């Protein structure tokens, strides 16, 4: 009995992200993983994972220098899966504002990444989320599952409006730390999480498995 080949996933290496943790987590759920900043390999993989840690502006600078903005844009224009994690999710929005400095993002979704308003910042540790009904990203995961967050900035307002009733609206997942913020988005071939699934134990492994099964 033959088995289907493992899905090829590139963890895009542009200098900002926990690439080794992501590699191990994806390999654990059966993906054929490569860490690379190579344009052609990133374009041709079944799935592209874009990690991100640190400042929004620095991540955008590194991504553009590595032509990651072109890779992401061209993959999405062809309906090819991309997943962003942490700042790798934040840069998918229109702009980020840190310490009063505004930086242009990839503008895949309208919205602003700004500082979290909470008594304790950064938001560091385990938290639950409120996922929408029917989400594939959180399929099979209990409502009280906990995920690992490390961030001081977030998207606090979802601004995208879908005017065409024949189009599937993005499925937006929320979490709360001081105030509600966007914790994950599932939007056609583009998925993203503010938390770190690669550091979220069994729940994170299930989520990454859900993604690779769609590739």
Foldseek 3Di string as FASTA:
>chain_A
DDDDAAFEEEEAPLPFFPSVLVQVLLVVLPHNYDYYLDLVSLQPGQEYEYEGDDDLQVSQVSCVVSVVLVSVVVCVVVLGAYEYEASRVVLCEQWEADPNDIDGGSHVFYFYKYFDDAPDPPPFAKFFKAWDPPDLLQPPPDRRQIFTAHDGIFTQDHDDDDPDPVADDKTFMWTDHRHIGTAWIDHRRYIYGNTDLSPRPPSSSVSSSSNSVVD
